[in-house]
Amino acid sequence: MNQILLKARNLSKVYSNKKTSKKALSGVNFELFHGEVFSLLGVNGAGKTTLSSLLASLHPSTEGEILWQNRSIYDDLPAYRKIIGLCPQYQNLDPLLTLEQNLVFQGRYYGMAKNRLKERIEYLLSRFELEEYAKCKADELSGGYKQRFLIARALVHEPTLVILDEPTVGLDPQVRHKLWDYIRNFKKEGITVILTTHYLDEAEKLSNRVCVIDKGKIITIDTPENLKKEWKKGNLEEVFLHLLKGEDEV
């Protein structure tokens, strides 16, 4: 039996101001298992980034709860945040710091011991082929190398859950495939990955399960293979279009 890492129970999120109110998520329920790649799929505005931000504890839910170790994450938020590595959709690297300094800042934020942090930085710079850029600032890197570094930064404190929000958007195919290799290795290492992506081929190749969201609600959660069999489609993209268009079952 798969071991449960997180449970989402009746999650809803409403964004409001004095004039308007918008429900971004409504009644979301699922379980996240240790060591899986769980992809969030949906059109722009479907609620993917909102859901990943709730799971990352960047924003609280309006209703419902996220359970970790059978307790609300807000019962001990600092402990929960230590298991999470976040690679945001938009690159937010400090332009005044070198890559090495960015990693030191990240590690010290999580209270890592100096010697362990030094070892970890050396390992990550080597693993992501960034050693020659250690003394460079972020603006000196190409888009692909910046994205590699964002993932490396998310791993500094050795999280068990990594949230990747559109990590390959706008990258050329060669760089995308390189990042896919990193994600596959996370799975081998037992790291759980939440992947938000618009690329259906990416989700099909990497995911243990996919979660299709539309208008803030979950449409389905299953493995890519099961979904293709259920809807008699050749690939995940065809399944996705079928579900969102509400075609008659064939």
Protein backbone atom coordinates (compact mmCIF):
# COMPACT_ATOMS: atom_id res chain seq x y z
CA MET A 1 0.00 0.00 0.00
CA ASN A 2 1.28 3.48 -0.90
CA GLN A 3 2.17 5.61 2.10
CA ILE A 4 0.23 8.87 2.30
CA LEU A 5 2.27 12.07 2.59
CA LEU A 6 -0.49 14.68 2.47
CA LYS A 7 -4.27 14.81 2.44
CA ALA A 8 -6.32 17.67 1.03
CA ARG A 9 -9.80 17.84 2.52
CA ASN A 10 -12.53 20.04 1.03
CA LEU A 11 -10.08 22.78 0.04
CA SER A 12 -11.63 25.99 -1.24
CA LYS A 13 -10.03 29.35 -1.96
CA VAL A 14 -11.81 32.65 -2.55
CA TYR A 15 -9.96 35.78 -3.63
CA SER A 16 -11.92 38.92 -2.84
CA ASN A 17 -11.62 42.66 -2.52
CA LYS A 18 -14.11 45.44 -1.91
CA LYS A 19 -15.65 45.08 -5.37
CA THR A 20 -15.28 41.49 -6.52
CA SER A 21 -15.01 37.95 -5.27
CA LYS A 22 -13.68 34.96 -7.21
CA LYS A 23 -13.70 31.31 -6.17
CA ALA A 24 -10.41 29.84 -7.42
CA LEU A 25 -10.84 26.40 -5.80
CA SER A 26 -13.96 24.58 -4.68
CA GLY A 27 -14.18 21.38 -2.63
CA VAL A 28 -10.82 19.86 -3.60
CA ASN A 29 -10.05 16.44 -2.11
CA PHE A 30 -7.10 14.11 -2.79
CA GLU A 31 -4.26 12.17 -1.21
CA LEU A 32 -0.61 12.56 -2.14
CA PHE A 33 1.65 9.51 -1.84
CA HIS A 34 5.31 9.31 -0.88
CA GLY A 35 7.67 9.14 -3.87
CA GLU A 36 5.16 9.88 -6.63
CA VAL A 37 5.08 12.52 -9.34
CA PHE A 38 1.63 14.09 -9.12
CA SER A 39 0.85 16.46 -12.00
CA LEU A 40 -1.72 19.25 -11.89
CA LEU A 41 -3.26 19.84 -15.30
CA GLY A 42 -5.70 22.50 -16.46
CA VAL A 43 -6.13 25.54 -18.66
CA ASN A 44 -5.02 28.99 -17.51
CA GLY A 45 -7.09 30.04 -14.53
CA ALA A 46 -8.22 26.50 -13.71
CA GLY A 47 -6.79 26.66 -10.19
CA LYS A 48 -3.48 24.77 -10.57
CA THR A 49 -1.20 27.49 -9.25
CA THR A 50 -3.67 28.35 -6.49
CA LEU A 51 -3.67 24.73 -5.35
CA SER A 52 0.11 24.44 -5.44
CA SER A 53 0.41 27.70 -3.47
CA LEU A 54 -1.92 26.33 -0.77
CA LEU A 55 0.14 23.13 -0.59
CA ALA A 56 3.29 25.24 -0.32
CA SER A 57 1.63 27.20 2.53
CA LEU A 58 2.09 30.49 0.66
CA HIS A 59 -1.60 31.24 1.20
CA PRO A 60 -4.18 29.77 3.59
CA SER A 61 -7.29 28.09 2.27
CA THR A 62 -10.66 29.80 2.73
CA GLU A 63 -12.21 26.48 3.70
CA GLY A 64 -10.94 22.96 4.27
CA GLU A 65 -7.53 21.77 5.43
CA ILE A 66 -4.27 20.13 4.40
CA LEU A 67 -3.21 17.26 6.64
CA TRP A 68 0.39 16.17 7.17
CA GLN A 69 1.08 13.35 9.60
CA ASN A 70 -2.70 13.38 10.22
CA ARG A 71 -2.64 16.96 11.53
CA SER A 72 -3.29 20.31 9.95
CA ILE A 73 -0.13 21.78 8.48
CA TYR A 74 -0.86 24.89 10.52
CA ASP A 75 -0.45 22.97 13.78
CA ASP A 76 3.32 23.17 13.19
CA LEU A 77 3.91 25.27 10.10
CA PRO A 78 7.72 25.67 10.53
CA ALA A 79 8.15 21.88 10.64
CA TYR A 80 5.94 21.41 7.58
CA ARG A 81 7.80 24.05 5.59
CA LYS A 82 11.09 22.25 6.22
CA ILE A 83 9.89 19.28 4.15
CA ILE A 84 8.94 21.46 1.16
CA GLY A 85 11.11 22.68 -1.69
CA LEU A 86 9.41 25.22 -3.98
CA CYS A 87 10.41 26.07 -7.54
CA PRO A 88 8.07 28.95 -8.44
CA GLN A 89 6.61 29.74 -11.83
CA TYR A 90 8.42 33.06 -12.01
CA GLN A 91 12.16 33.26 -11.45
CA ASN A 92 12.77 35.10 -8.17
CA LEU A 93 16.52 34.90 -7.78
CA ASP A 94 18.30 37.72 -5.97
CA PRO A 95 20.19 39.55 -8.75
CA LEU A 96 22.72 41.00 -6.31
CA LEU A 97 23.94 37.60 -5.11
CA THR A 98 26.00 34.96 -6.88
CA LEU A 99 24.53 31.48 -7.30
CA GLU A 100 26.62 30.25 -4.40
CA GLN A 101 25.45 33.11 -2.20
CA ASN A 102 21.82 32.44 -3.14
CA LEU A 103 22.25 28.84 -1.99
CA VAL A 104 23.93 29.91 1.26
CA PHE A 105 21.06 32.30 1.97
CA GLN A 106 18.51 29.55 1.29
CA GLY A 107 20.27 27.04 3.49
CA ARG A 108 20.75 29.43 6.39
CA TYR A 109 17.08 30.40 6.17
CA TYR A 110 16.28 26.76 6.94
CA GLY A 111 18.79 26.69 9.78
CA MET A 112 21.27 24.32 8.16
CA ALA A 113 24.63 23.84 9.89
CA LYS A 114 27.52 25.54 8.10
CA ASN A 115 29.48 22.36 7.32
CA ARG A 116 26.43 20.45 6.07
CA LEU A 117 25.36 23.43 3.97
CA LYS A 118 28.80 23.65 2.36
CA GLU A 119 28.64 19.95 1.42
CA ARG A 120 25.12 20.33 0.08
CA ILE A 121 25.99 23.33 -2.08
CA GLU A 122 28.99 21.54 -3.60
CA TYR A 123 26.81 18.52 -4.32
CA LEU A 124 23.99 20.51 -5.94
CA LEU A 125 26.29 22.66 -8.09
CA SER A 126 27.88 19.46 -9.37
CA ARG A 127 24.62 17.56 -9.84
CA PHE A 128 23.03 20.37 -11.87
CA GLU A 129 26.23 21.12 -13.80
CA LEU A 130 26.49 24.63 -12.39
CA GLU A 131 29.97 24.55 -10.87
CA GLU A 132 31.50 26.94 -13.39
CA TYR A 133 28.73 29.47 -12.67
CA ALA A 134 29.00 29.39 -8.86
CA LYS A 135 30.51 32.88 -8.70
CA CYS A 136 28.17 34.30 -11.37
CA LYS A 137 25.02 36.28 -10.76
CA ALA A 138 21.67 35.01 -11.97
CA ASP A 139 21.34 37.55 -14.79
CA GLU A 140 24.45 36.07 -16.42
CA LEU A 141 22.71 32.71 -16.96
CA SER A 142 20.54 31.54 -19.84
CA GLY A 143 16.89 30.70 -19.17
CA GLY A 144 17.64 26.98 -19.02
CA TYR A 145 20.47 27.36 -16.53
CA LYS A 146 18.35 29.69 -14.38
CA GLN A 147 15.67 27.02 -14.26
CA ARG A 148 18.20 24.37 -13.28
CA PHE A 149 19.39 26.64 -10.52
CA LEU A 150 15.87 27.29 -9.23
CA ILE A 151 15.40 23.55 -8.84
CA ALA A 152 18.80 23.22 -7.16
CA ARG A 153 17.89 26.00 -4.74
CA ALA A 154 14.63 24.22 -3.88
CA LEU A 155 16.64 21.14 -2.86
CA VAL A 156 19.20 22.80 -0.57
CA HIS A 157 17.54 21.80 2.70
CA GLU A 158 16.85 18.22 1.51
CA PRO A 159 13.04 18.38 1.30
CA THR A 160 10.86 15.30 0.88
CA LEU A 161 8.28 17.20 -1.19
CA VAL A 162 9.23 19.38 -4.17
CA ILE A 163 6.66 21.63 -5.84
CA LEU A 164 7.56 22.54 -9.44
CA ASP A 165 5.27 25.20 -10.91
CA GLU A 166 5.64 25.26 -14.71
CA PRO A 167 9.39 24.43 -14.53
CA THR A 168 9.90 23.94 -18.28
CA VAL A 169 7.75 26.70 -19.76
CA GLY A 170 9.47 28.53 -22.60
CA LEU A 171 12.50 26.23 -22.66
CA ASP A 172 13.83 24.52 -25.78
CA PRO A 173 13.29 20.75 -26.14
CA GLN A 174 16.85 19.79 -25.19
CA VAL A 175 16.69 21.69 -21.90
CA ARG A 176 13.19 20.36 -21.18
CA HIS A 177 14.41 16.78 -21.53
CA LYS A 178 17.35 17.52 -19.23
CA LEU A 179 14.94 18.75 -16.56
CA TRP A 180 12.79 15.65 -17.12
CA ASP A 181 15.81 13.53 -16.19
CA TYR A 182 16.14 15.42 -12.92
CA ILE A 183 12.48 14.81 -12.11
CA ARG A 184 12.79 11.10 -12.91
CA ASN A 185 15.74 10.91 -10.54
CA PHE A 186 13.72 12.59 -7.79
CA LYS A 187 11.24 9.76 -8.07
CA LYS A 188 14.03 7.17 -7.79
CA GLU A 189 15.30 8.94 -4.66
CA GLY A 190 11.88 8.81 -3.03
CA ILE A 191 11.23 12.54 -3.31
CA THR A 192 7.58 13.40 -3.90
CA VAL A 193 6.96 15.87 -6.74
CA ILE A 194 3.96 18.07 -7.43
CA LEU A 195 4.32 19.18 -11.04
CA THR A 196 2.20 21.94 -12.54
CA THR A 197 2.47 21.93 -16.32
CA HIS A 198 0.74 22.87 -19.56
CA TYR A 199 2.74 20.28 -21.48
CA LEU A 200 0.63 17.13 -21.69
CA ASP A 201 3.49 15.04 -23.12
CA GLU A 202 5.55 16.04 -20.09
CA ALA A 203 2.83 14.96 -17.68
CA GLU A 204 2.28 11.68 -19.52
CA LYS A 205 5.96 10.73 -19.46
CA LEU A 206 6.76 11.77 -15.89
CA SER A 207 3.63 11.29 -13.79
CA ASN A 208 2.52 8.44 -11.59
CA ARG A 209 -0.85 10.18 -11.44
CA VAL A 210 -2.38 13.29 -13.00
CA CYS A 211 -5.04 15.56 -11.53
CA VAL A 212 -7.18 17.42 -14.06
CA ILE A 213 -8.64 20.66 -12.69
CA ASP A 214 -11.24 22.84 -14.36
CA LYS A 215 -12.88 25.96 -12.93
CA GLY A 216 -11.46 25.23 -9.49
CA LYS A 217 -12.79 21.68 -9.26
CA ILE A 218 -11.09 18.33 -9.75
CA ILE A 219 -12.41 16.52 -12.82
CA THR A 220 -10.42 13.33 -12.38
CA ILE A 221 -7.32 11.83 -10.75
CA ASP A 222 -5.71 8.71 -12.19
CA THR A 223 -2.64 7.32 -13.91
CA PRO A 224 -2.04 8.39 -17.52
CA GLU A 225 -2.38 4.77 -18.66
CA ASN A 226 -5.70 4.25 -16.90
CA LEU A 227 -7.10 7.46 -18.34
CA LYS A 228 -6.08 6.52 -21.88
CA LYS A 229 -7.71 3.11 -21.49
CA GLU A 230 -10.87 4.49 -19.90
CA TRP A 231 -11.48 7.07 -22.62
CA LYS A 232 -9.97 5.02 -25.48
CA LYS A 233 -7.50 7.72 -26.43
CA GLY A 234 -3.98 7.45 -27.83
CA ASN A 235 -2.33 9.95 -25.52
CA LEU A 236 -2.95 12.14 -22.49
CA GLU A 237 -3.50 15.27 -24.56
CA GLU A 238 -6.47 13.64 -26.29
CA VAL A 239 -7.86 12.59 -22.89
CA PHE A 240 -7.44 16.12 -21.57
CA LEU A 241 -9.24 17.71 -24.51
CA HIS A 242 -11.99 15.11 -24.27
CA LEU A 243 -12.60 15.80 -20.58
CA LEU A 244 -12.66 19.58 -20.94
CA LYS A 245 -14.84 19.59 -24.04
CA GLY A 246 -17.34 17.21 -22.46
CA GLU A 247 -17.47 15.03 -25.54
CA ASP A 248 -19.79 12.05 -25.61
CA GLU A 249 -18.08 8.87 -24.48
CA VAL A 250 -16.92 6.64 -27.32
